[in-house]
Amino acid sequence: NNLRESLNCNTKYFRDKIQNLGFSIKTGVHPIVPVMLGDAKLAKNFASDMLQHGIYVVGFSYPVVPMDQARIRVQISAAHTREQIEQAVALFVKVGRQLGVVE
């Protein structure tokens, strides 16, 4: 039960932070958070840049997802600390700015 509570808190925290920073995400409460980018090359580059900074996220594009709905898939865990989530959010902003996804 504590793990479920931790997962729900972590998921809500990440979803709220990433959305408030200007990223587009699919609505929901589940811990798999699709950060919508639209462009397949952008999603690939975004995931690659995040990995270079030590954050593993996966870019998905057509035919795995519908055309023009490329995304980064983030999977939140109950084991993530608040500090780890903050680090991931900060890197999303850094990479997002570098690639022109957010201001």
PDB file of N, CA and C in Angstrom:
ATOM      1  N   ASN A   1       0.824  -1.195   0.000  1.00  0.00           N
ATOM      2  CA  ASN A   1       0.000   0.000   0.000  1.00  0.00           C
ATOM      3  C   ASN A   1       0.867   1.258   0.000  1.00  0.00           C
ATOM      4  N   ASN A   2       1.963   1.279   0.769  1.00  0.00           N
ATOM      5  CA  ASN A   2       2.866   2.419   0.767  1.00  0.00           C
ATOM      6  C   ASN A   2       3.508   2.612  -0.598  1.00  0.00           C
ATOM      7  N   LEU A   3       3.827   1.505  -1.269  1.00  0.00           N
ATOM      8  CA  LEU A   3       4.406   1.608  -2.614  1.00  0.00           C
ATOM      9  C   LEU A   3       3.407   2.231  -3.577  1.00  0.00           C
ATOM     10  N   ARG A   4       2.160   1.832  -3.470  1.00  0.00           N
ATOM     11  CA  ARG A   4       1.125   2.401  -4.341  1.00  0.00           C
ATOM     12  C   ARG A   4       0.967   3.898  -4.074  1.00  0.00           C
ATOM     13  N   GLU A   5       0.983   4.280  -2.812  1.00  0.00           N
ATOM     14  CA  GLU A   5       0.882   5.699  -2.465  1.00  0.00           C
ATOM     15  C   GLU A   5       2.082   6.477  -2.999  1.00  0.00           C
ATOM     16  N   SER A   6       3.267   5.912  -2.844  1.00  0.00           N
ATOM     17  CA  SER A   6       4.483   6.560  -3.358  1.00  0.00           C
ATOM     18  C   SER A   6       4.416   6.705  -4.871  1.00  0.00           C
ATOM     19  N   LEU A   7       3.960   5.663  -5.545  1.00  0.00           N
ATOM     20  CA  LEU A   7       3.835   5.712  -6.996  1.00  0.00           C
ATOM     21  C   LEU A   7       2.841   6.794  -7.412  1.00  0.00           C
ATOM     22  N   ASN A   8       1.703   6.845  -6.764  1.00  0.00           N
ATOM     23  CA  ASN A   8       0.696   7.860  -7.099  1.00  0.00           C
ATOM     24  C   ASN A   8       1.221   9.267  -6.854  1.00  0.00           C
ATOM     25  N   CYS A   9       1.908   9.474  -5.737  1.00  0.00           N
ATOM     26  CA  CYS A   9       2.468  10.803  -5.423  1.00  0.00           C
ATOM     27  C   CYS A   9       3.538  11.185  -6.439  1.00  0.00           C
ATOM     28  N   ASN A  10       4.432  10.259  -6.752  1.00  0.00           N
ATOM     29  CA  ASN A  10       5.494  10.535  -7.716  1.00  0.00           C
ATOM     30  C   ASN A  10       4.921  10.846  -9.100  1.00  0.00           C
ATOM     31  N   THR A  11       3.930  10.060  -9.480  1.00  0.00           N
ATOM     32  CA  THR A  11       3.306  10.258 -10.794  1.00  0.00           C
ATOM     33  C   THR A  11       2.637  11.621 -10.877  1.00  0.00           C
ATOM     34  N   LYS A  12       1.857  11.967  -9.879  1.00  0.00           N
ATOM     35  CA  LYS A  12       1.170  13.262  -9.867  1.00  0.00           C
ATOM     36  C   LYS A  12       2.182  14.396  -9.868  1.00  0.00           C
ATOM     37  N   TYR A  13       3.209  14.275  -9.069  1.00  0.00           N
ATOM     38  CA  TYR A  13       4.233  15.318  -8.976  1.00  0.00           C
ATOM     39  C   TYR A  13       4.902  15.539 -10.335  1.00  0.00           C
ATOM     40  N   PHE A  14       5.346  14.454 -10.975  1.00  0.00           N
ATOM     41  CA  PHE A  14       5.999  14.583 -12.274  1.00  0.00           C
ATOM     42  C   PHE A  14       5.044  15.170 -13.310  1.00  0.00           C
ATOM     43  N   ARG A  15       3.840  14.632 -13.381  1.00  0.00           N
ATOM     44  CA  ARG A  15       2.866  15.110 -14.368  1.00  0.00           C
ATOM     45  C   ARG A  15       2.573  16.605 -14.184  1.00  0.00           C
ATOM     46  N   ASP A  16       2.359  17.022 -12.956  1.00  0.00           N
ATOM     47  CA  ASP A  16       2.064  18.431 -12.690  1.00  0.00           C
ATOM     48  C   ASP A  16       3.243  19.312 -13.078  1.00  0.00           C
ATOM     49  N   LYS A  17       4.445  18.935 -12.669  1.00  0.00           N
ATOM     50  CA  LYS A  17       5.639  19.740 -12.949  1.00  0.00           C
ATOM     51  C   LYS A  17       5.880  19.874 -14.446  1.00  0.00           C
ATOM     52  N   ILE A  18       5.847  18.765 -15.155  1.00  0.00           N
ATOM     53  CA  ILE A  18       6.195  18.764 -16.576  1.00  0.00           C
ATOM     54  C   ILE A  18       5.158  19.558 -17.377  1.00  0.00           C
ATOM     55  N   GLN A  19       3.900  19.447 -16.992  1.00  0.00           N
ATOM     56  CA  GLN A  19       2.843  20.195 -17.674  1.00  0.00           C
ATOM     57  C   GLN A  19       2.958  21.696 -17.389  1.00  0.00           C
ATOM     58  N   ASN A  20       3.236  22.044 -16.150  1.00  0.00           N
ATOM     59  CA  ASN A  20       3.363  23.452 -15.776  1.00  0.00           C
ATOM     60  C   ASN A  20       4.550  24.117 -16.466  1.00  0.00           C
ATOM     61  N   LEU A  21       5.513  23.333 -16.905  1.00  0.00           N
ATOM     62  CA  LEU A  21       6.685  23.875 -17.590  1.00  0.00           C
ATOM     63  C   LEU A  21       6.464  24.014 -19.093  1.00  0.00           C
ATOM     64  N   GLY A  22       5.279  23.619 -19.565  1.00  0.00           N
ATOM     65  CA  GLY A  22       4.951  23.839 -20.965  1.00  0.00           C
ATOM     66  C   GLY A  22       5.001  22.614 -21.855  1.00  0.00           C
ATOM     67  N   PHE A  23       5.279  21.457 -21.284  1.00  0.00           N
ATOM     68  CA  PHE A  23       5.274  20.233 -22.075  1.00  0.00           C
ATOM     69  C   PHE A  23       3.843  19.736 -22.236  1.00  0.00           C
ATOM     70  N   SER A  24       3.576  19.145 -23.378  1.00  0.00           N
ATOM     71  CA  SER A  24       2.271  18.557 -23.644  1.00  0.00           C
ATOM     72  C   SER A  24       2.320  17.079 -23.296  1.00  0.00           C
ATOM     73  N   ILE A  25       1.422  16.648 -22.414  1.00  0.00           N
ATOM     74  CA  ILE A  25       1.364  15.234 -22.060  1.00  0.00           C
ATOM     75  C   ILE A  25      -0.051  14.731 -22.283  1.00  0.00           C
ATOM     76  N   LYS A  26      -0.146  13.410 -22.475  1.00  0.00           N
ATOM     77  CA  LYS A  26      -1.462  12.785 -22.547  1.00  0.00           C
ATOM     78  C   LYS A  26      -2.050  12.805 -21.138  1.00  0.00           C
ATOM     79  N   THR A  27      -3.326  13.146 -21.048  1.00  0.00           N
ATOM     80  CA  THR A  27      -3.957  13.207 -19.738  1.00  0.00           C
ATOM     81  C   THR A  27      -4.099  11.807 -19.151  1.00  0.00           C
ATOM     82  N   GLY A  28      -4.148  11.756 -17.861  1.00  0.00           N
ATOM     83  CA  GLY A  28      -4.304  10.495 -17.169  1.00  0.00           C
ATOM     84  C   GLY A  28      -3.631  10.539 -15.819  1.00  0.00           C
ATOM     85  N   VAL A  29      -3.698   9.433 -15.115  1.00  0.00           N
ATOM     86  CA  VAL A  29      -3.090   9.336 -13.791  1.00  0.00           C
ATOM     87  C   VAL A  29      -2.084   8.188 -13.730  1.00  0.00           C
ATOM     88  N   HIS A  30      -1.880   7.519 -14.837  1.00  0.00           N
ATOM     89  CA  HIS A  30      -0.995   6.360 -14.834  1.00  0.00           C
ATOM     90  C   HIS A  30       0.463   6.786 -14.840  1.00  0.00           C
ATOM     91  N   PRO A  31       1.359   5.929 -14.343  1.00  0.00           N
ATOM     92  CA  PRO A  31       2.770   6.279 -14.202  1.00  0.00           C
ATOM     93  C   PRO A  31       3.571   6.249 -15.510  1.00  0.00           C
ATOM     94  N   ILE A  32       2.979   5.804 -16.592  1.00  0.00           N
ATOM     95  CA  ILE A  32       3.628   5.915 -17.890  1.00  0.00           C
ATOM     96  C   ILE A  32       3.140   7.228 -18.485  1.00  0.00           C
ATOM     97  N   VAL A  33       4.075   8.170 -18.604  1.00  0.00           N
ATOM     98  CA  VAL A  33       3.718   9.533 -18.993  1.00  0.00           C
ATOM     99  C   VAL A  33       4.220   9.811 -20.410  1.00  0.00           C
ATOM    100  N   PRO A  34       3.321   9.919 -21.388  1.00  0.00           N
ATOM    101  CA  PRO A  34       3.723  10.250 -22.742  1.00  0.00           C
ATOM    102  C   PRO A  34       3.877  11.767 -22.904  1.00  0.00           C
ATOM    103  N   VAL A  35       5.115  12.200 -23.121  1.00  0.00           N
ATOM    104  CA  VAL A  35       5.400  13.612 -23.375  1.00  0.00           C
ATOM    105  C   VAL A  35       5.357  13.775 -24.888  1.00  0.00           C
ATOM    106  N   MET A  36       4.351  14.482 -25.357  1.00  0.00           N
ATOM    107  CA  MET A  36       4.072  14.563 -26.786  1.00  0.00           C
ATOM    108  C   MET A  36       4.986  15.576 -27.482  1.00  0.00           C
ATOM    109  N   LEU A  37       5.651  15.113 -28.554  1.00  0.00           N
ATOM    110  CA  LEU A  37       6.546  15.977 -29.320  1.00  0.00           C
ATOM    111  C   LEU A  37       6.126  16.094 -30.777  1.00  0.00           C
ATOM    112  N   GLY A  38       5.401  15.104 -31.288  1.00  0.00           N
ATOM    113  CA  GLY A  38       4.892  15.148 -32.659  1.00  0.00           C
ATOM    114  C   GLY A  38       5.855  14.639 -33.704  1.00  0.00           C
ATOM    115  N   ASP A  39       7.081  15.103 -33.670  1.00  0.00           N
ATOM    116  CA  ASP A  39       8.065  14.790 -34.705  1.00  0.00           C
ATOM    117  C   ASP A  39       8.960  13.618 -34.303  1.00  0.00           C
ATOM    118  N   ALA A  40       9.093  12.630 -35.203  1.00  0.00           N
ATOM    119  CA  ALA A  40       9.857  11.414 -34.909  1.00  0.00           C
ATOM    120  C   ALA A  40      11.330  11.714 -34.655  1.00  0.00           C
ATOM    121  N   LYS A  41      11.939  12.538 -35.491  1.00  0.00           N
ATOM    122  CA  LYS A  41      13.358  12.857 -35.322  1.00  0.00           C
ATOM    123  C   LYS A  41      13.579  13.611 -34.015  1.00  0.00           C
ATOM    124  N   LEU A  42      12.683  14.517 -33.691  1.00  0.00           N
ATOM    125  CA  LEU A  42      12.770  15.263 -32.440  1.00  0.00           C
ATOM    126  C   LEU A  42      12.701  14.320 -31.242  1.00  0.00           C
ATOM    127  N   ALA A  43      11.777  13.366 -31.277  1.00  0.00           N
ATOM    128  CA  ALA A  43      11.641  12.405 -30.174  1.00  0.00           C
ATOM    129  C   ALA A  43      12.913  11.578 -30.023  1.00  0.00           C
ATOM    130  N   LYS A  44      13.482  11.155 -31.135  1.00  0.00           N
ATOM    131  CA  LYS A  44      14.727  10.368 -31.103  1.00  0.00           C
ATOM    132  C   LYS A  44      15.870  11.191 -30.523  1.00  0.00           C
ATOM    133  N   ASN A  45      16.003  12.423 -30.992  1.00  0.00           N
ATOM    134  CA  ASN A  45      17.074  13.288 -30.497  1.00  0.00           C
ATOM    135  C   ASN A  45      16.880  13.648 -29.034  1.00  0.00           C
ATOM    136  N   PHE A  46      15.644  13.878 -28.643  1.00  0.00           N
ATOM    137  CA  PHE A  46      15.335  14.221 -27.264  1.00  0.00           C
ATOM    138  C   PHE A  46      15.749  13.073 -26.338  1.00  0.00           C
ATOM    139  N   ALA A  47      15.345  11.860 -26.687  1.00  0.00           N
ATOM    140  CA  ALA A  47      15.684  10.688 -25.864  1.00  0.00           C
ATOM    141  C   ALA A  47      17.197  10.505 -25.796  1.00  0.00           C
ATOM    142  N   SER A  48      17.872  10.689 -26.906  1.00  0.00           N
ATOM    143  CA  SER A  48      19.332  10.550 -26.959  1.00  0.00           C
ATOM    144  C   SER A  48      20.019  11.582 -26.073  1.00  0.00           C
ATOM    145  N   ASP A  49      19.559  12.821 -26.156  1.00  0.00           N
ATOM    146  CA  ASP A  49      20.146  13.883 -25.330  1.00  0.00           C
ATOM    147  C   ASP A  49      19.904  13.632 -23.846  1.00  0.00           C
ATOM    148  N   MET A  50      18.718  13.160 -23.497  1.00  0.00           N
ATOM    149  CA  MET A  50      18.418  12.852 -22.099  1.00  0.00           C
ATOM    150  C   MET A  50      19.345  11.743 -21.587  1.00  0.00           C
ATOM    151  N   LEU A  51      19.576  10.728 -22.420  1.00  0.00           N
ATOM    152  CA  LEU A  51      20.445   9.624 -22.016  1.00  0.00           C
ATOM    153  C   LEU A  51      21.876  10.108 -21.791  1.00  0.00           C
ATOM    154  N   GLN A  52      22.325  11.046 -22.600  1.00  0.00           N
ATOM    155  CA  GLN A  52      23.666  11.605 -22.410  1.00  0.00           C
ATOM    156  C   GLN A  52      23.805  12.286 -21.050  1.00  0.00           C
ATOM    157  N   HIS A  53      22.690  12.727 -20.493  1.00  0.00           N
ATOM    158  CA  HIS A  53      22.683  13.348 -19.167  1.00  0.00           C
ATOM    159  C   HIS A  53      22.317  12.354 -18.070  1.00  0.00           C
ATOM    160  N   GLY A  54      22.191  11.071 -18.424  1.00  0.00           N
ATOM    161  CA  GLY A  54      21.940  10.038 -17.424  1.00  0.00           C
ATOM    162  C   GLY A  54      20.483   9.745 -17.137  1.00  0.00           C
ATOM    163  N   ILE A  55      19.575  10.260 -17.962  1.00  0.00           N
ATOM    164  CA  ILE A  55      18.146   9.998 -17.773  1.00  0.00           C
ATOM    165  C   ILE A  55      17.674   9.125 -18.934  1.00  0.00           C
ATOM    166  N   TYR A  56      17.189   7.930 -18.611  1.00  0.00           N
ATOM    167  CA  TYR A  56      16.733   6.998 -19.638  1.00  0.00           C
ATOM    168  C   TYR A  56      15.243   7.170 -19.871  1.00  0.00           C
ATOM    169  N   VAL A  57      14.919   7.689 -21.050  1.00  0.00           N
ATOM    170  CA  VAL A  57      13.544   7.762 -21.525  1.00  0.00           C
ATOM    171  C   VAL A  57      13.547   7.219 -22.937  1.00  0.00           C
ATOM    172  N   VAL A  58      12.396   6.826 -23.431  1.00  0.00           N
ATOM    173  CA  VAL A  58      12.314   6.201 -24.744  1.00  0.00           C
ATOM    174  C   VAL A  58      11.493   7.074 -25.683  1.00  0.00           C
ATOM    175  N   GLY A  59      12.014   7.280 -26.885  1.00  0.00           N
ATOM    176  CA  GLY A  59      11.265   7.983 -27.915  1.00  0.00           C
ATOM    177  C   GLY A  59      10.474   6.985 -28.745  1.00  0.00           C
ATOM    178  N   PHE A  60       9.210   7.267 -28.978  1.00  0.00           N
ATOM    179  CA  PHE A  60       8.362   6.419 -29.807  1.00  0.00           C
ATOM    180  C   PHE A  60       7.826   7.230 -30.976  1.00  0.00           C
ATOM    181  N   SER A  61       7.799   6.616 -32.131  1.00  0.00           N
ATOM    182  CA  SER A  61       7.227   7.275 -33.309  1.00  0.00           C
ATOM    183  C   SER A  61       6.556   6.210 -34.179  1.00  0.00           C
ATOM    184  N   TYR A  62       5.967   6.675 -35.272  1.00  0.00           N
ATOM    185  CA  TYR A  62       5.284   5.782 -36.200  1.00  0.00           C
ATOM    186  C   TYR A  62       6.238   4.690 -36.671  1.00  0.00           C
ATOM    187  N   PRO A  63       5.832   3.424 -36.734  1.00  0.00           N
ATOM    188  CA  PRO A  63       4.472   2.879 -36.632  1.00  0.00           C
ATOM    189  C   PRO A  63       4.071   2.413 -35.234  1.00  0.00           C
ATOM    190  N   VAL A  64       4.901   2.683 -34.232  1.00  0.00           N
ATOM    191  CA  VAL A  64       4.559   2.269 -32.872  1.00  0.00           C
ATOM    192  C   VAL A  64       3.402   3.102 -32.319  1.00  0.00           C
ATOM    193  N   VAL A  65       3.384   4.381 -32.682  1.00  0.00           N
ATOM    194  CA  VAL A  65       2.296   5.290 -32.318  1.00  0.00           C
ATOM    195  C   VAL A  65       1.776   5.913 -33.611  1.00  0.00           C
ATOM    196  N   PRO A  66       0.598   6.527 -33.613  1.00  0.00           N
ATOM    197  CA  PRO A  66       0.077   7.120 -34.850  1.00  0.00           C
ATOM    198  C   PRO A  66       1.026   8.167 -35.439  1.00  0.00           C
ATOM    199  N   MET A  67       0.954   8.326 -36.753  1.00  0.00           N
ATOM    200  CA  MET A  67       1.744   9.314 -37.470  1.00  0.00           C
ATOM    201  C   MET A  67       1.582  10.691 -36.812  1.00  0.00           C
ATOM    202  N   ASP A  68       2.684  11.408 -36.719  1.00  0.00           N
ATOM    203  CA  ASP A  68       2.716  12.764 -36.144  1.00  0.00           C
ATOM    204  C   ASP A  68       2.344  12.818 -34.664  1.00  0.00           C
ATOM    205  N   GLN A  69       2.441  11.683 -33.975  1.00  0.00           N
ATOM    206  CA  GLN A  69       2.203  11.662 -32.531  1.00  0.00           C
ATOM    207  C   GLN A  69       3.407  11.088 -31.796  1.00  0.00           C
ATOM    208  N   ALA A  70       4.600  11.391 -32.325  1.00  0.00           N
ATOM    209  CA  ALA A  70       5.833  10.929 -31.668  1.00  0.00           C
ATOM    210  C   ALA A  70       5.885  11.494 -30.258  1.00  0.00           C
ATOM    211  N   ARG A  71       6.520  10.750 -29.395  1.00  0.00           N
ATOM    212  CA  ARG A  71       6.522  11.116 -27.983  1.00  0.00           C
ATOM    213  C   ARG A  71       7.728  10.545 -27.262  1.00  0.00           C
ATOM    214  N   ILE A  72       7.951  11.059 -26.084  1.00  0.00           N
ATOM    215  CA  ILE A  72       8.903  10.489 -25.140  1.00  0.00           C
ATOM    216  C   ILE A  72       8.070   9.771 -24.092  1.00  0.00           C
ATOM    217  N   ARG A  73       8.457   8.557 -23.815  1.00  0.00           N
ATOM    218  CA  ARG A  73       7.734   7.792 -22.790  1.00  0.00           C
ATOM    219  C   ARG A  73       8.553   7.806 -21.510  1.00  0.00           C
ATOM    220  N   VAL A  74       7.957   8.343 -20.462  1.00  0.00           N
ATOM    221  CA  VAL A  74       8.590   8.389 -19.154  1.00  0.00           C
ATOM    222  C   VAL A  74       7.847   7.414 -18.264  1.00  0.00           C
ATOM    223  N   GLN A  75       8.581   6.592 -17.563  1.00  0.00           N
ATOM    224  CA  GLN A  75       7.947   5.650 -16.647  1.00  0.00           C
ATOM    225  C   GLN A  75       8.356   5.987 -15.220  1.00  0.00           C
ATOM    226  N   ILE A  76       7.400   6.446 -14.446  1.00  0.00           N
ATOM    227  CA  ILE A  76       7.627   6.824 -13.061  1.00  0.00           C
ATOM    228  C   ILE A  76       7.515   5.577 -12.179  1.00  0.00           C
ATOM    229  N   SER A  77       8.334   5.549 -11.138  1.00  0.00           N
ATOM    230  CA  SER A  77       8.366   4.406 -10.231  1.00  0.00           C
ATOM    231  C   SER A  77       8.151   4.865  -8.789  1.00  0.00           C
ATOM    232  N   ALA A  78       7.675   3.969  -7.962  1.00  0.00           N
ATOM    233  CA  ALA A  78       7.560   4.248  -6.530  1.00  0.00           C
ATOM    234  C   ALA A  78       8.945   4.413  -5.910  1.00  0.00           C
ATOM    235  N   ALA A  79       9.951   3.822  -6.535  1.00  0.00           N
ATOM    236  CA  ALA A  79      11.321   3.878  -6.003  1.00  0.00           C
ATOM    237  C   ALA A  79      12.025   5.194  -6.315  1.00  0.00           C
ATOM    238  N   HIS A  80      11.489   5.989  -7.239  1.00  0.00           N
ATOM    239  CA  HIS A  80      12.114   7.277  -7.529  1.00  0.00           C
ATOM    240  C   HIS A  80      12.019   8.195  -6.312  1.00  0.00           C
ATOM    241  N   THR A  81      13.106   8.885  -6.038  1.00  0.00           N
ATOM    242  CA  THR A  81      13.086   9.880  -4.975  1.00  0.00           C
ATOM    243  C   THR A  81      12.608  11.206  -5.560  1.00  0.00           C
ATOM    244  N   ARG A  82      12.199  12.116  -4.710  1.00  0.00           N
ATOM    245  CA  ARG A  82      11.789  13.443  -5.164  1.00  0.00           C
ATOM    246  C   ARG A  82      12.963  14.128  -5.878  1.00  0.00           C
ATOM    247  N   GLU A  83      14.158  13.925  -5.341  1.00  0.00           N
ATOM    248  CA  GLU A  83      15.361  14.509  -5.953  1.00  0.00           C
ATOM    249  C   GLU A  83      15.583  13.970  -7.373  1.00  0.00           C
ATOM    250  N   GLN A  84      15.377  12.694  -7.576  1.00  0.00           N
ATOM    251  CA  GLN A  84      15.527  12.101  -8.911  1.00  0.00           C
ATOM    252  C   GLN A  84      14.485  12.661  -9.879  1.00  0.00           C
ATOM    253  N   ILE A  85      13.271  12.827  -9.404  1.00  0.00           N
ATOM    254  CA  ILE A  85      12.218  13.385 -10.264  1.00  0.00           C
ATOM    255  C   ILE A  85      12.544  14.839 -10.604  1.00  0.00           C
ATOM    256  N   GLU A  86      13.009  15.593  -9.611  1.00  0.00           N
ATOM    257  CA  GLU A  86      13.408  16.986  -9.861  1.00  0.00           C
ATOM    258  C   GLU A  86      14.537  17.049 -10.889  1.00  0.00           C
ATOM    259  N   GLN A  87      15.504  16.135 -10.783  1.00  0.00           N
ATOM    260  CA  GLN A  87      16.612  16.085 -11.733  1.00  0.00           C
ATOM    261  C   GLN A  87      16.088  15.794 -13.145  1.00  0.00           C
ATOM    262  N   ALA A  88      15.179  14.855 -13.251  1.00  0.00           N
ATOM    263  CA  ALA A  88      14.606  14.520 -14.554  1.00  0.00           C
ATOM    264  C   ALA A  88      13.845  15.711 -15.137  1.00  0.00           C
ATOM    265  N   VAL A  89      13.061  16.386 -14.309  1.00  0.00           N
ATOM    266  CA  VAL A  89      12.304  17.545 -14.764  1.00  0.00           C
ATOM    267  C   VAL A  89      13.257  18.644 -15.232  1.00  0.00           C
ATOM    268  N   ALA A  90      14.305  18.904 -14.463  1.00  0.00           N
ATOM    269  CA  ALA A  90      15.287  19.931 -14.832  1.00  0.00           C
ATOM    270  C   ALA A  90      15.943  19.597 -16.173  1.00  0.00           C
ATOM    271  N   LEU A  91      16.227  18.332 -16.398  1.00  0.00           N
ATOM    272  CA  LEU A  91      16.840  17.943 -17.668  1.00  0.00           C
ATOM    273  C   LEU A  91      15.840  17.992 -18.812  1.00  0.00           C
ATOM    274  N   PHE A  92      14.586  17.705 -18.532  1.00  0.00           N
ATOM    275  CA  PHE A  92      13.559  17.873 -19.561  1.00  0.00           C
ATOM    276  C   PHE A  92      13.535  19.330 -20.021  1.00  0.00           C
ATOM    277  N   VAL A  93      13.614  20.249 -19.076  1.00  0.00           N
ATOM    278  CA  VAL A  93      13.608  21.673 -19.416  1.00  0.00           C
ATOM    279  C   VAL A  93      14.859  22.038 -20.202  1.00  0.00           C
ATOM    280  N   LYS A  94      16.019  21.578 -19.734  1.00  0.00           N
ATOM    281  CA  LYS A  94      17.281  21.900 -20.416  1.00  0.00           C
ATOM    282  C   LYS A  94      17.266  21.401 -21.857  1.00  0.00           C
ATOM    283  N   VAL A  95      16.955  20.125 -22.029  1.00  0.00           N
ATOM    284  CA  VAL A  95      16.931  19.531 -23.380  1.00  0.00           C
ATOM    285  C   VAL A  95      15.786  20.126 -24.187  1.00  0.00           C
ATOM    286  N   GLY A  96      14.642  20.326 -23.553  1.00  0.00           N
ATOM    287  CA  GLY A  96      13.498  20.911 -24.239  1.00  0.00           C
ATOM    288  C   GLY A  96      13.807  22.294 -24.785  1.00  0.00           C
ATOM    289  N   ARG A  97      14.534  23.088 -24.037  1.00  0.00           N
ATOM    290  CA  ARG A  97      14.933  24.418 -24.509  1.00  0.00           C
ATOM    291  C   ARG A  97      15.926  24.308 -25.657  1.00  0.00           C
ATOM    292  N   GLN A  98      16.911  23.413 -25.495  1.00  0.00           N
ATOM    293  CA  GLN A  98      17.922  23.245 -26.540  1.00  0.00           C
ATOM    294  C   GLN A  98      17.302  22.802 -27.862  1.00  0.00           C
ATOM    295  N   LEU A  99      16.256  21.996 -27.790  1.00  0.00           N
ATOM    296  CA  LEU A  99      15.624  21.479 -29.002  1.00  0.00           C
ATOM    297  C   LEU A  99      14.400  22.295 -29.422  1.00  0.00           C
ATOM    298  N   GLY A 100      14.120  23.368 -28.709  1.00  0.00           N
ATOM    299  CA  GLY A 100      13.030  24.255 -29.089  1.00  0.00           C
ATOM    300  C   GLY A 100      11.635  23.752 -28.773  1.00  0.00           C
ATOM    301  N   VAL A 101      11.534  22.850 -27.803  1.00  0.00           N
ATOM    302  CA  VAL A 101      10.240  22.292 -27.439  1.00  0.00           C
ATOM    303  C   VAL A 101       9.514  23.205 -26.445  1.00  0.00           C
ATOM    304  N   VAL A 102      10.257  23.786 -25.513  1.00  0.00           N
ATOM    305  CA  VAL A 102       9.705  24.722 -24.531  1.00  0.00           C
ATOM    306  C   VAL A 102      10.587  25.966 -24.489  1.00  0.00           C
ATOM    307  N   GLU A 103      10.039  27.030 -23.938  1.00  0.00           N
ATOM    308  CA  GLU A 103      10.803  28.283 -23.826  1.00  0.00           C
ATOM    309  C   GLU A 103      11.618  28.317 -22.564  1.00  0.00           C
TER     310      GLU A 103
END
